[in-house]
Amino acid sequence: MSVRGLMRLIDNENLSIKVVKQRITKHGDFRKFKNDNCIITVNKCNNKYRFLMTLIHEIAHHYTYKENKFAKPHGIKWKKMFKNITEPFLNKNIFPENLLNLLKEHMNNPKSSFSYDSKLSKELDKYDNQNDDLVYLDELPSNSVFAYRGKKFKKIEKKRKRYLCKCMDNKRSYLFVSHAKVEKK
């Protein structure tokens, strides 16, 4: 279903899809141009499940834009479109059971990124080429020192869903998602 299903979604659409090198801040994006041409970019990755869900997420932006050019990027109309086009893919022939259950839960009220759904992100991470030196931030005790993107941080406290951390290099405070992968120091 996945390849044929994807082909049905993109056939006869004024849409280009490009696989690009890994980006740190996003998994994919959708852009529209003045001539009504549209392009989707998706990060190259070894995780076929993350790739598929990112592609469907971006295709939902295309269809939402096509239906209503003024709809909010992750608003009600996009959520409805994303749910509708994702539904046929949510089955055991495509996803392992643990991941499938979390995806179904996520699709009840999809967020703008899988990165904001901690349980789903951690499950998706299991299908990445893991770096064994990294740990999840929520596994470290308070006052632990860790490295992230070349800087040293100290874990201070949990705010509602994120952790307040202090950068040891510039003394600034930052909020991290609980499932941020960091290097324990």
Protein backbone atom coordinates (compact mmCIF):
# COMPACT_ATOMS: atom_id res chain seq x y z
CA MET A 1 0.00 0.00 0.00
CA SER A 2 2.71 2.51 0.86
CA VAL A 3 4.32 3.04 -2.58
CA ARG A 4 1.06 2.73 -4.53
CA GLY A 5 -0.70 4.87 -1.94
CA LEU A 6 1.97 7.57 -2.21
CA MET A 7 1.80 7.50 -6.00
CA ARG A 8 -1.96 8.06 -5.86
CA LEU A 9 -1.38 11.09 -3.61
CA ILE A 10 1.19 12.74 -5.87
CA ASP A 11 0.15 11.67 -9.41
CA ASN A 12 -1.13 14.58 -11.50
CA GLU A 13 -0.18 17.13 -8.85
CA ASN A 14 1.80 20.28 -9.60
CA LEU A 15 4.38 19.15 -7.08
CA SER A 16 8.09 18.37 -6.95
CA ILE A 17 9.56 16.17 -4.23
CA LYS A 18 13.22 16.39 -3.39
CA VAL A 19 15.29 14.38 -0.91
CA VAL A 20 17.88 16.67 0.67
CA LYS A 21 20.81 16.26 3.06
CA GLN A 22 20.02 15.97 6.76
CA ARG A 23 19.01 19.25 8.42
CA ILE A 24 19.18 19.80 12.16
CA THR A 25 16.08 21.95 12.62
CA LYS A 26 13.53 20.15 10.44
CA HIS A 27 12.68 16.83 8.84
CA GLY A 28 10.96 18.31 5.79
CA ASP A 29 9.12 21.31 4.40
CA PHE A 30 6.54 22.44 1.86
CA ARG A 31 6.95 25.59 -0.23
CA LYS A 32 4.73 27.21 -2.79
CA PHE A 33 5.89 29.61 -5.49
CA LYS A 34 4.14 32.52 -7.21
CA ASN A 35 3.56 30.42 -10.35
CA ASP A 36 1.63 27.88 -8.18
CA ASN A 37 4.42 25.32 -8.45
CA CYS A 38 5.03 23.55 -5.15
CA ILE A 39 8.02 21.70 -3.77
CA ILE A 40 8.38 19.31 -0.87
CA THR A 41 11.78 18.58 0.60
CA VAL A 42 12.37 15.63 2.93
CA ASN A 43 15.61 14.91 4.75
CA LYS A 44 17.50 11.86 3.58
CA CYS A 45 17.46 9.34 6.43
CA ASN A 46 17.80 5.62 7.02
CA ASN A 47 14.59 5.48 9.02
CA LYS A 48 11.91 4.53 6.49
CA TYR A 49 9.09 5.18 8.99
CA ARG A 50 10.24 8.73 9.81
CA PHE A 51 10.74 9.39 6.09
CA LEU A 52 7.26 8.13 5.16
CA MET A 53 5.47 10.08 7.89
CA THR A 54 7.42 13.24 7.09
CA LEU A 55 6.54 12.92 3.41
CA ILE A 56 2.84 12.40 4.19
CA HIS A 57 2.95 15.36 6.61
CA GLU A 58 4.29 17.58 3.82
CA ILE A 59 1.86 16.21 1.22
CA ALA A 60 -0.93 17.19 3.62
CA HIS A 61 0.40 20.77 3.46
CA HIS A 62 0.18 20.62 -0.34
CA TYR A 63 -3.42 19.42 -0.34
CA THR A 64 -4.42 21.90 2.37
CA TYR A 65 -2.87 24.74 0.36
CA LYS A 66 -4.57 23.54 -2.81
CA GLU A 67 -7.93 23.43 -1.04
CA ASN A 68 -7.55 26.71 0.84
CA LYS A 69 -4.57 28.98 0.15
CA PHE A 70 -5.12 30.88 3.42
CA ALA A 71 -5.38 27.94 5.83
CA LYS A 72 -3.00 28.00 8.79
CA PRO A 73 0.06 25.74 8.27
CA HIS A 74 -0.77 23.41 11.18
CA GLY A 75 -4.32 24.51 11.81
CA ILE A 76 -7.60 22.61 11.88
CA LYS A 77 -7.84 22.17 8.09
CA TRP A 78 -4.29 20.81 7.87
CA LYS A 79 -4.88 18.44 10.81
CA LYS A 80 -8.02 17.08 9.15
CA MET A 81 -6.20 16.64 5.83
CA PHE A 82 -3.21 14.99 7.51
CA LYS A 83 -5.48 12.54 9.37
CA ASN A 84 -7.41 11.70 6.18
CA ILE A 85 -4.41 10.98 3.98
CA THR A 86 -2.50 9.17 6.75
CA GLU A 87 -5.31 6.79 7.69
CA PRO A 88 -4.79 4.26 4.83
CA PHE A 89 -1.10 3.94 5.77
CA LEU A 90 -1.74 3.16 9.45
CA ASN A 91 -1.71 -0.62 9.32
CA LYS A 92 0.47 -3.57 10.36
CA ASN A 93 1.65 -4.15 6.80
CA ILE A 94 3.55 -0.87 6.93
CA PHE A 95 4.40 -0.17 10.59
CA PRO A 96 5.54 -2.37 13.49
CA GLU A 97 2.83 -2.70 16.15
CA ASN A 98 4.45 -0.50 18.85
CA LEU A 99 5.05 2.31 16.38
CA LEU A 100 1.62 1.87 14.80
CA ASN A 101 -0.12 2.28 18.16
CA LEU A 102 1.80 5.48 18.94
CA LEU A 103 1.14 6.86 15.45
CA LYS A 104 -2.59 6.22 15.84
CA GLU A 105 -2.51 8.01 19.20
CA HIS A 106 -0.55 10.91 17.68
CA MET A 107 -3.05 11.24 14.83
CA ASN A 108 -5.90 11.96 17.26
CA ASN A 109 -4.51 15.50 17.44
CA PRO A 110 -1.35 15.72 15.31
CA LYS A 111 1.25 18.27 16.31
CA SER A 112 3.26 20.40 13.90
CA SER A 113 6.15 17.94 14.28
CA PHE A 114 6.70 14.42 15.56
CA SER A 115 9.52 16.00 17.55
CA TYR A 116 6.94 17.42 19.98
CA ASP A 117 5.56 13.97 20.78
CA SER A 118 8.12 12.48 23.15
CA LYS A 119 6.83 8.88 23.18
CA LEU A 120 6.51 8.77 19.40
CA SER A 121 9.93 10.37 18.88
CA LYS A 122 11.61 7.83 21.14
CA GLU A 123 9.90 4.95 19.34
CA LEU A 124 10.87 6.36 15.93
CA ASP A 125 14.46 6.71 17.18
CA LYS A 126 14.62 2.93 17.58
CA TYR A 127 14.66 2.66 13.78
CA ASP A 128 17.50 5.17 13.30
CA ASN A 129 21.18 4.34 13.15
CA GLN A 130 21.76 5.06 16.83
CA ASN A 131 24.82 6.71 18.33
CA ASP A 132 25.37 4.65 21.49
CA ASP A 133 27.19 7.56 23.19
CA LEU A 134 23.97 9.59 23.36
CA VAL A 135 21.29 9.47 26.06
CA TYR A 136 17.90 11.12 26.37
CA LEU A 137 17.93 14.26 28.49
CA ASP A 138 15.08 12.98 30.67
CA GLU A 139 17.30 10.04 31.72
CA LEU A 140 19.85 12.36 33.34
CA PRO A 141 19.41 13.56 36.92
CA SER A 142 19.09 17.28 37.72
CA ASN A 143 22.39 19.18 37.79
CA SER A 144 23.95 16.77 35.27
CA VAL A 145 26.34 18.25 32.75
CA PHE A 146 25.93 17.26 29.12
CA ALA A 147 27.06 18.31 25.65
CA TYR A 148 24.72 19.25 22.82
CA ARG A 149 25.82 20.56 19.41
CA GLY A 150 29.31 21.36 20.65
CA LYS A 151 28.28 23.25 23.79
CA LYS A 152 28.18 22.23 27.46
CA PHE A 153 24.94 22.50 29.41
CA LYS A 154 23.71 21.84 32.93
CA LYS A 155 20.25 20.33 33.42
CA ILE A 156 18.41 22.53 35.93
CA GLU A 157 14.72 21.58 36.26
CA LYS A 158 11.67 20.36 34.43
CA LYS A 159 9.19 22.98 33.37
CA ARG A 160 5.81 21.78 32.09
CA LYS A 161 7.04 19.52 29.26
CA ARG A 162 10.59 20.75 28.70
CA TYR A 163 13.76 20.96 30.71
CA LEU A 164 15.38 24.25 31.64
CA CYS A 165 19.12 23.98 31.04
CA LYS A 166 21.94 26.48 31.50
CA CYS A 167 24.64 26.79 28.85
CA MET A 168 28.03 26.70 30.58
CA ASP A 169 29.64 28.57 27.67
CA ASN A 170 27.44 31.68 27.50
CA LYS A 171 25.42 31.42 30.76
CA ARG A 172 22.13 31.59 28.82
CA SER A 173 19.12 29.45 29.68
CA TYR A 174 17.53 27.12 27.13
CA LEU A 175 14.50 24.83 27.06
CA PHE A 176 15.03 21.30 25.75
CA VAL A 177 12.47 18.62 24.89
CA SER A 178 12.71 15.65 27.24
CA HIS A 179 13.78 13.31 24.44
CA ALA A 180 16.68 15.47 23.23
CA LYS A 181 19.64 13.18 22.57
CA VAL A 182 22.67 14.50 24.44
CA GLU A 183 26.18 13.40 25.33
CA LYS A 184 26.62 12.73 29.01
CA LYS A 185 29.74 14.38 30.49
